């Protein structure tokens, strides 16, 4: 089974990338820009992350949001 591979961006560390060992890095970035942090099984990876990878080939997210960001997202999805 594929492993879920977690990375942190080397120069902008609040950005995280999750890919699978079967798919690899998206063509829009380079492996050299990312530092590997851990591998997880599907059972140990959030459903939303797995679904994003199934749909897009990767999951990209940013650490350090604010509660104002949540409200902004609520408004933009109405």
C-alpha atoms as a PDB file:
ATOM      1  CA  UNK A   1       0.000   0.000   0.000  1.00  0.00           C
ATOM      2  CA  UNK A   2       1.053   3.582  -0.629  1.00  0.00           C
ATOM      3  CA  UNK A   3       2.561   5.609   2.171  1.00  0.00           C
ATOM      4  CA  UNK A   4       1.482   9.206   2.759  1.00  0.00           C
ATOM      5  CA  UNK A   5       4.611  11.364   2.766  1.00  0.00           C
ATOM      6  CA  UNK A   6       4.608  14.636   4.705  1.00  0.00           C
ATOM      7  CA  UNK A   7       6.930  17.528   3.832  1.00  0.00           C
ATOM      8  CA  UNK A   8       7.643  21.047   5.080  1.00  0.00           C
ATOM      9  CA  UNK A   9       8.792  23.785   2.698  1.00  0.00           C
ATOM     10  CA  UNK A  10      12.465  24.607   3.279  1.00  0.00           C
ATOM     11  CA  UNK A  11      12.264  28.413   2.916  1.00  0.00           C
ATOM     12  CA  UNK A  12       8.621  29.020   3.879  1.00  0.00           C
ATOM     13  CA  UNK A  13       8.117  26.431   6.643  1.00  0.00           C
ATOM     14  CA  UNK A  14       4.501  27.280   7.406  1.00  0.00           C
ATOM     15  CA  UNK A  15       3.607  25.486   4.139  1.00  0.00           C
ATOM     16  CA  UNK A  16       3.134  21.697   4.201  1.00  0.00           C
ATOM     17  CA  UNK A  17       2.755  19.186   1.388  1.00  0.00           C
ATOM     18  CA  UNK A  18       1.415  15.644   1.551  1.00  0.00           C
ATOM     19  CA  UNK A  19       1.836  13.222  -1.356  1.00  0.00           C
ATOM     20  CA  UNK A  20       1.794   9.467  -1.756  1.00  0.00           C
ATOM     21  CA  UNK A  21       4.741   7.253  -2.473  1.00  0.00           C
ATOM     22  CA  UNK A  22       2.963   6.079  -5.651  1.00  0.00           C
ATOM     23  CA  UNK A  23       2.181   9.508  -7.143  1.00  0.00           C
ATOM     24  CA  UNK A  24       5.216  11.590  -6.146  1.00  0.00           C
ATOM     25  CA  UNK A  25       5.694  15.364  -6.380  1.00  0.00           C
ATOM     26  CA  UNK A  26       3.357  17.531  -8.445  1.00  0.00           C
ATOM     27  CA  UNK A  27       4.887  19.078 -11.563  1.00  0.00           C
ATOM     28  CA  UNK A  28       4.308  22.577 -10.148  1.00  0.00           C
ATOM     29  CA  UNK A  29       7.063  22.234  -7.524  1.00  0.00           C
ATOM     30  CA  UNK A  30      10.473  20.634  -7.048  1.00  0.00           C
ATOM     31  CA  UNK A  31      11.403  17.976  -4.506  1.00  0.00           C
ATOM     32  CA  UNK A  32      14.484  20.029  -3.567  1.00  0.00           C
ATOM     33  CA  UNK A  33      12.191  22.733  -2.117  1.00  0.00           C
ATOM     34  CA  UNK A  34      10.764  20.364   0.504  1.00  0.00           C
ATOM     35  CA  UNK A  35      12.114  18.610   3.599  1.00  0.00           C
ATOM     36  CA  UNK A  36      10.659  15.205   4.422  1.00  0.00           C
ATOM     37  CA  UNK A  37       9.178  14.992   7.927  1.00  0.00           C
ATOM     38  CA  UNK A  38       7.310  11.678   8.180  1.00  0.00           C
ATOM     39  CA  UNK A  39       5.512   8.822   6.450  1.00  0.00           C
ATOM     40  CA  UNK A  40       2.092   7.620   7.533  1.00  0.00           C
ATOM     41  CA  UNK A  41      -0.267   4.840   6.594  1.00  0.00           C
ATOM     42  CA  UNK A  42      -3.734   5.588   5.229  1.00  0.00           C
ATOM     43  CA  UNK A  43      -5.227   4.714   8.632  1.00  0.00           C
ATOM     44  CA  UNK A  44      -3.017   7.372  10.247  1.00  0.00           C
ATOM     45  CA  UNK A  45      -3.809  10.120   7.692  1.00  0.00           C
ATOM     46  CA  UNK A  46      -6.883  12.364   7.924  1.00  0.00           C
ATOM     47  CA  UNK A  47      -9.741  11.529   5.582  1.00  0.00           C
ATOM     48  CA  UNK A  48      -9.773  15.073   4.145  1.00  0.00           C
ATOM     49  CA  UNK A  49      -6.071  14.818   3.277  1.00  0.00           C
ATOM     50  CA  UNK A  50      -6.576  11.456   1.560  1.00  0.00           C
ATOM     51  CA  UNK A  51      -9.557  12.823  -0.385  1.00  0.00           C
ATOM     52  CA  UNK A  52      -7.570  15.849  -1.595  1.00  0.00           C
ATOM     53  CA  UNK A  53      -4.741  13.593  -2.750  1.00  0.00           C
ATOM     54  CA  UNK A  54      -7.215  11.318  -4.543  1.00  0.00           C
ATOM     55  CA  UNK A  55      -8.693  14.358  -6.334  1.00  0.00           C
ATOM     56  CA  UNK A  56      -5.612  16.540  -6.952  1.00  0.00           C
ATOM     57  CA  UNK A  57      -2.589  14.271  -6.501  1.00  0.00           C
ATOM     58  CA  UNK A  58      -1.399  16.185  -3.420  1.00  0.00           C
ATOM     59  CA  UNK A  59      -2.563  18.104  -0.343  1.00  0.00           C
ATOM     60  CA  UNK A  60      -1.034  21.537   0.245  1.00  0.00           C
ATOM     61  CA  UNK A  61      -1.814  23.538   3.373  1.00  0.00           C
ATOM     62  CA  UNK A  62      -0.512  26.353   5.553  1.00  0.00           C
ATOM     63  CA  UNK A  63       0.066  26.280   9.316  1.00  0.00           C
ATOM     64  CA  UNK A  64      -0.797  29.371  11.329  1.00  0.00           C
ATOM     65  CA  UNK A  65      -4.252  30.516  10.322  1.00  0.00           C
ATOM     66  CA  UNK A  66      -6.332  32.880  12.428  1.00  0.00           C
ATOM     67  CA  UNK A  67      -9.958  32.917  13.508  1.00  0.00           C
ATOM     68  CA  UNK A  68     -10.421  35.866  11.134  1.00  0.00           C
ATOM     69  CA  UNK A  69      -9.317  33.527   8.324  1.00  0.00           C
ATOM     70  CA  UNK A  70     -12.165  31.166   9.242  1.00  0.00           C
ATOM     71  CA  UNK A  71     -14.704  33.987   9.071  1.00  0.00           C
ATOM     72  CA  UNK A  72     -13.287  35.151   5.724  1.00  0.00           C
ATOM     73  CA  UNK A  73     -13.607  31.595   4.374  1.00  0.00           C
ATOM     74  CA  UNK A  74     -17.187  31.355   5.646  1.00  0.00           C
ATOM     75  CA  UNK A  75     -18.104  34.529   3.776  1.00  0.00           C
ATOM     76  CA  UNK A  76     -16.355  33.464   0.565  1.00  0.00           C
ATOM     77  CA  UNK A  77     -18.158  30.093   0.437  1.00  0.00           C
ATOM     78  CA  UNK A  78     -21.679  31.526   0.764  1.00  0.00           C
END
